[in-house]
Amino acid sequence: MFILLVASTDSQETLETVHHLTQATVSRGHRVVVFFNSQSTRLLGSDRDSPHLPALSELGVRLLACRTSVLETGLAPKVALMNGVEMSSLGELVDLMADAERVLFLG
């Protein structure tokens, strides 16, 4: 099963929910993509001290950052994105939503 998670806030609760939900889903053999938009893109800065997201990337989870949100939150060009994060767009989000069997919005 292909599951898409869409995160919108930069709260610690959102980060932990993404981490735990994704780990549980991947452990059951499902494919997961996490799309970060709006304020949640702040969670992706290389200056963050959280091991949660890099661990998900190592499991093969795609971590996508909305390019427009990264610019609007001021993350880029000041701070680089952490390893394993790909720049994306709302257009790709629409395509992912069409292909996913389940979509969960967090935040």
N, C-alpha and C. Protein backbone atom coordinates (compact mmCIF):
# COMPACT_ATOMS: atom_id res chain seq x y z
N MET A 1 0.84 -1.17 0.00
CA MET A 1 0.00 0.00 0.00
C MET A 1 0.89 1.24 0.00
N PHE A 2 0.46 2.26 -0.72
CA PHE A 2 1.17 3.53 -0.79
C PHE A 2 0.43 4.55 0.06
N ILE A 3 1.12 5.08 1.07
CA ILE A 3 0.53 6.05 1.99
C ILE A 3 1.28 7.38 1.89
N LEU A 4 0.53 8.46 1.77
CA LEU A 4 1.08 9.80 1.70
C LEU A 4 0.72 10.55 2.97
N LEU A 5 1.73 11.09 3.64
CA LEU A 5 1.51 11.95 4.80
C LEU A 5 1.82 13.38 4.38
N VAL A 6 0.96 14.31 4.74
CA VAL A 6 1.16 15.72 4.42
C VAL A 6 1.22 16.48 5.75
N ALA A 7 2.39 17.03 6.05
CA ALA A 7 2.59 17.76 7.31
C ALA A 7 2.54 19.26 7.02
N SER A 8 1.90 20.01 7.96
CA SER A 8 1.75 21.45 7.74
C SER A 8 2.28 22.33 8.86
N THR A 9 2.50 21.78 10.06
CA THR A 9 2.97 22.60 11.17
C THR A 9 4.37 22.18 11.59
N ASP A 10 5.08 23.08 12.27
CA ASP A 10 6.44 22.78 12.71
C ASP A 10 6.50 22.41 14.19
N SER A 11 5.40 21.91 14.72
CA SER A 11 5.37 21.56 16.14
C SER A 11 6.11 20.25 16.39
N GLN A 12 6.56 20.09 17.62
CA GLN A 12 7.21 18.84 18.03
C GLN A 12 6.24 17.67 17.89
N GLU A 13 4.98 17.93 18.16
CA GLU A 13 3.95 16.89 18.03
C GLU A 13 3.85 16.38 16.59
N THR A 14 3.89 17.30 15.63
CA THR A 14 3.85 16.90 14.22
C THR A 14 5.06 16.04 13.87
N LEU A 15 6.23 16.47 14.32
CA LEU A 15 7.46 15.72 14.06
C LEU A 15 7.37 14.31 14.62
N GLU A 16 6.94 14.19 15.85
CA GLU A 16 6.84 12.87 16.48
C GLU A 16 5.78 12.00 15.82
N THR A 17 4.66 12.60 15.43
CA THR A 17 3.61 11.85 14.76
C THR A 17 4.09 11.32 13.41
N VAL A 18 4.75 12.17 12.65
CA VAL A 18 5.32 11.73 11.36
C VAL A 18 6.29 10.58 11.59
N HIS A 19 7.16 10.74 12.57
CA HIS A 19 8.18 9.71 12.83
C HIS A 19 7.55 8.38 13.22
N HIS A 20 6.69 8.38 14.22
CA HIS A 20 6.12 7.13 14.72
C HIS A 20 5.17 6.47 13.71
N LEU A 21 4.34 7.27 13.09
CA LEU A 21 3.39 6.73 12.11
C LEU A 21 4.13 6.14 10.91
N THR A 22 5.16 6.83 10.45
CA THR A 22 5.91 6.35 9.30
C THR A 22 6.68 5.08 9.64
N GLN A 23 7.32 5.04 10.80
CA GLN A 23 8.04 3.83 11.19
C GLN A 23 7.10 2.63 11.27
N ALA A 24 5.94 2.81 11.87
CA ALA A 24 4.98 1.72 12.00
C ALA A 24 4.49 1.25 10.63
N THR A 25 4.26 2.19 9.74
CA THR A 25 3.75 1.86 8.41
C THR A 25 4.80 1.14 7.58
N VAL A 26 6.02 1.62 7.61
CA VAL A 26 7.11 0.99 6.86
C VAL A 26 7.39 -0.41 7.40
N SER A 27 7.31 -0.58 8.71
CA SER A 27 7.57 -1.90 9.31
C SER A 27 6.54 -2.94 8.86
N ARG A 28 5.40 -2.48 8.38
CA ARG A 28 4.37 -3.39 7.87
C ARG A 28 4.47 -3.58 6.35
N GLY A 29 5.55 -3.04 5.78
CA GLY A 29 5.82 -3.26 4.36
C GLY A 29 5.18 -2.28 3.41
N HIS A 30 4.65 -1.18 3.92
CA HIS A 30 4.00 -0.19 3.06
C HIS A 30 5.01 0.87 2.62
N ARG A 31 4.71 1.48 1.49
CA ARG A 31 5.54 2.57 0.97
C ARG A 31 4.97 3.88 1.47
N VAL A 32 5.86 4.76 1.96
CA VAL A 32 5.43 6.03 2.54
C VAL A 32 6.20 7.18 1.90
N VAL A 33 5.48 8.25 1.61
CA VAL A 33 6.07 9.52 1.20
C VAL A 33 5.53 10.56 2.16
N VAL A 34 6.43 11.43 2.65
CA VAL A 34 6.02 12.52 3.54
C VAL A 34 6.27 13.84 2.81
N PHE A 35 5.21 14.62 2.66
CA PHE A 35 5.29 15.92 1.99
C PHE A 35 5.15 17.00 3.06
N PHE A 36 6.15 17.88 3.13
CA PHE A 36 6.15 18.97 4.10
C PHE A 36 5.81 20.26 3.38
N ASN A 37 4.76 20.93 3.84
CA ASN A 37 4.43 22.24 3.27
C ASN A 37 4.21 23.24 4.39
N SER A 38 4.03 24.46 4.04
CA SER A 38 3.78 25.53 5.00
C SER A 38 4.87 25.55 6.08
N GLN A 39 4.47 25.71 7.34
CA GLN A 39 5.44 25.85 8.43
C GLN A 39 6.25 24.58 8.69
N SER A 40 5.74 23.44 8.28
CA SER A 40 6.45 22.17 8.56
C SER A 40 7.80 22.08 7.85
N THR A 41 8.01 22.89 6.82
CA THR A 41 9.31 22.84 6.14
C THR A 41 10.44 23.25 7.09
N ARG A 42 10.11 23.99 8.14
CA ARG A 42 11.14 24.36 9.13
C ARG A 42 11.73 23.14 9.83
N LEU A 43 11.00 22.05 9.85
CA LEU A 43 11.50 20.81 10.47
C LEU A 43 12.63 20.18 9.66
N LEU A 44 12.83 20.64 8.42
CA LEU A 44 13.77 20.01 7.51
C LEU A 44 15.13 20.68 7.42
N GLY A 45 15.33 21.75 8.18
CA GLY A 45 16.60 22.45 8.13
C GLY A 45 17.75 21.61 8.67
N SER A 46 18.90 21.71 8.03
CA SER A 46 20.06 20.94 8.48
C SER A 46 20.54 21.40 9.85
N ASP A 47 20.04 22.55 10.31
CA ASP A 47 20.42 23.04 11.64
C ASP A 47 19.56 22.43 12.75
N ARG A 48 18.59 21.62 12.40
CA ARG A 48 17.74 20.95 13.40
C ARG A 48 18.52 19.81 14.04
N ASP A 49 18.27 19.58 15.30
CA ASP A 49 19.02 18.57 16.04
C ASP A 49 18.18 17.33 16.30
N SER A 50 17.31 16.99 15.38
CA SER A 50 16.41 15.85 15.58
C SER A 50 16.87 14.67 14.73
N PRO A 51 17.00 13.49 15.33
CA PRO A 51 17.38 12.30 14.56
C PRO A 51 16.20 11.66 13.84
N HIS A 52 14.99 12.13 14.10
CA HIS A 52 13.79 11.47 13.58
C HIS A 52 13.74 11.40 12.06
N LEU A 53 13.87 12.51 11.39
CA LEU A 53 13.68 12.54 9.95
C LEU A 53 14.81 11.87 9.18
N PRO A 54 16.08 12.09 9.54
CA PRO A 54 17.14 11.34 8.84
C PRO A 54 16.96 9.83 8.96
N ALA A 55 16.45 9.37 10.10
CA ALA A 55 16.21 7.94 10.28
C ALA A 55 15.17 7.43 9.30
N LEU A 56 14.16 8.24 9.03
CA LEU A 56 13.12 7.83 8.07
C LEU A 56 13.68 7.76 6.66
N SER A 57 14.51 8.71 6.32
CA SER A 57 15.14 8.72 5.00
C SER A 57 15.97 7.45 4.79
N GLU A 58 16.63 7.02 5.85
CA GLU A 58 17.45 5.80 5.76
C GLU A 58 16.59 4.55 5.56
N LEU A 59 15.31 4.62 5.92
CA LEU A 59 14.38 3.51 5.71
C LEU A 59 13.80 3.49 4.29
N GLY A 60 14.18 4.47 3.49
CA GLY A 60 13.68 4.55 2.12
C GLY A 60 12.45 5.41 1.95
N VAL A 61 12.08 6.15 2.99
CA VAL A 61 10.93 7.05 2.93
C VAL A 61 11.35 8.32 2.19
N ARG A 62 10.55 8.72 1.22
CA ARG A 62 10.82 9.98 0.52
C ARG A 62 10.33 11.13 1.38
N LEU A 63 11.21 12.09 1.63
CA LEU A 63 10.88 13.31 2.37
C LEU A 63 10.90 14.46 1.38
N LEU A 64 9.75 15.06 1.14
CA LEU A 64 9.62 16.11 0.14
C LEU A 64 9.29 17.44 0.79
N ALA A 65 9.96 18.49 0.33
CA ALA A 65 9.72 19.84 0.83
C ALA A 65 9.13 20.70 -0.27
N CYS A 66 8.02 21.35 0.02
CA CYS A 66 7.41 22.27 -0.93
C CYS A 66 8.36 23.45 -1.15
N ARG A 67 8.76 23.64 -2.38
CA ARG A 67 9.73 24.70 -2.72
C ARG A 67 9.21 26.08 -2.32
N THR A 68 7.96 26.37 -2.59
CA THR A 68 7.39 27.67 -2.26
C THR A 68 7.37 27.89 -0.75
N SER A 69 7.00 26.87 0.00
CA SER A 69 6.96 26.98 1.46
C SER A 69 8.35 27.19 2.04
N VAL A 70 9.34 26.52 1.49
CA VAL A 70 10.72 26.69 1.96
C VAL A 70 11.14 28.14 1.80
N LEU A 71 10.79 28.74 0.69
CA LEU A 71 11.14 30.15 0.46
C LEU A 71 10.32 31.09 1.36
N GLU A 72 9.03 30.81 1.50
CA GLU A 72 8.16 31.69 2.29
C GLU A 72 8.49 31.66 3.79
N THR A 73 8.93 30.53 4.29
CA THR A 73 9.27 30.44 5.72
C THR A 73 10.66 31.00 6.00
N GLY A 74 11.40 31.34 4.95
CA GLY A 74 12.73 31.90 5.13
C GLY A 74 13.81 30.86 5.38
N LEU A 75 13.48 29.59 5.22
CA LEU A 75 14.46 28.53 5.43
C LEU A 75 15.59 28.64 4.41
N ALA A 76 15.22 28.77 3.15
CA ALA A 76 16.22 28.92 2.10
C ALA A 76 16.27 30.40 1.72
N PRO A 77 17.39 30.91 1.39
CA PRO A 77 18.68 30.26 1.23
C PRO A 77 19.54 30.26 2.50
N LYS A 78 18.99 30.68 3.64
CA LYS A 78 19.78 30.79 4.87
C LYS A 78 20.28 29.44 5.38
N VAL A 79 19.43 28.44 5.34
CA VAL A 79 19.75 27.14 5.92
C VAL A 79 19.56 26.06 4.85
N ALA A 80 20.51 25.16 4.76
CA ALA A 80 20.37 24.04 3.83
C ALA A 80 19.39 23.02 4.39
N LEU A 81 18.79 22.25 3.51
CA LEU A 81 17.91 21.16 3.94
C LEU A 81 18.76 19.98 4.38
N MET A 82 18.25 19.20 5.33
CA MET A 82 19.00 18.04 5.81
C MET A 82 19.12 17.00 4.69
N ASN A 83 20.11 16.13 4.84
CA ASN A 83 20.34 15.08 3.86
C ASN A 83 19.10 14.21 3.71
N GLY A 84 18.83 13.83 2.48
CA GLY A 84 17.70 12.95 2.21
C GLY A 84 16.41 13.67 1.86
N VAL A 85 16.39 14.99 1.95
CA VAL A 85 15.18 15.76 1.64
C VAL A 85 15.26 16.23 0.20
N GLU A 86 14.15 16.06 -0.51
CA GLU A 86 14.06 16.49 -1.91
C GLU A 86 13.15 17.72 -2.00
N MET A 87 13.53 18.66 -2.86
CA MET A 87 12.64 19.78 -3.14
C MET A 87 11.52 19.28 -4.04
N SER A 88 10.32 19.79 -3.81
CA SER A 88 9.15 19.34 -4.56
C SER A 88 8.24 20.53 -4.83
N SER A 89 7.03 20.23 -5.26
CA SER A 89 6.08 21.29 -5.59
C SER A 89 4.65 20.83 -5.29
N LEU A 90 3.74 21.79 -5.28
CA LEU A 90 2.34 21.44 -5.08
C LEU A 90 1.81 20.60 -6.24
N GLY A 91 2.38 20.79 -7.41
CA GLY A 91 2.00 19.96 -8.56
C GLY A 91 2.31 18.50 -8.30
N GLU A 92 3.49 18.23 -7.74
CA GLU A 92 3.83 16.85 -7.41
C GLU A 92 2.93 16.32 -6.29
N LEU A 93 2.58 17.18 -5.34
CA LEU A 93 1.66 16.77 -4.28
C LEU A 93 0.34 16.28 -4.86
N VAL A 94 -0.18 17.00 -5.84
CA VAL A 94 -1.44 16.61 -6.48
C VAL A 94 -1.28 15.23 -7.13
N ASP A 95 -0.17 15.00 -7.82
CA ASP A 95 0.07 13.71 -8.44
C ASP A 95 0.18 12.60 -7.40
N LEU A 96 0.87 12.87 -6.30
CA LEU A 96 1.01 11.89 -5.23
C LEU A 96 -0.34 11.56 -4.60
N MET A 97 -1.17 12.57 -4.42
CA MET A 97 -2.49 12.35 -3.85
C MET A 97 -3.35 11.46 -4.76
N ALA A 98 -3.19 11.64 -6.06
CA ALA A 98 -3.94 10.82 -7.01
C ALA A 98 -3.47 9.36 -6.99
N ASP A 99 -2.18 9.14 -6.75
CA ASP A 99 -1.61 7.80 -6.77
C ASP A 99 -1.70 7.07 -5.43
N ALA A 100 -1.76 7.81 -4.33
CA ALA A 100 -1.74 7.19 -3.01
C ALA A 100 -3.05 6.46 -2.72
N GLU A 101 -2.91 5.37 -1.97
CA GLU A 101 -4.10 4.64 -1.55
C GLU A 101 -4.71 5.27 -0.29
N ARG A 102 -3.88 5.93 0.49
CA ARG A 102 -4.32 6.65 1.70
C ARG A 102 -3.54 7.95 1.80
N VAL A 103 -4.23 9.03 2.17
CA VAL A 103 -3.59 10.32 2.39
C VAL A 103 -4.00 10.81 3.77
N LEU A 104 -3.00 11.17 4.57
CA LEU A 104 -3.27 11.70 5.92
C LEU A 104 -2.67 13.09 6.01
N PHE A 105 -3.48 14.04 6.49
CA PHE A 105 -3.03 15.42 6.68
C PHE A 105 -2.77 15.62 8.17
N LEU A 106 -1.58 16.09 8.49
CA LEU A 106 -1.17 16.31 9.88
C LEU A 106 -0.92 17.78 10.13
N GLY A 107 -1.58 18.32 11.14
CA GLY A 107 -1.32 19.72 11.51
C GLY A 107 -2.26 20.67 10.92
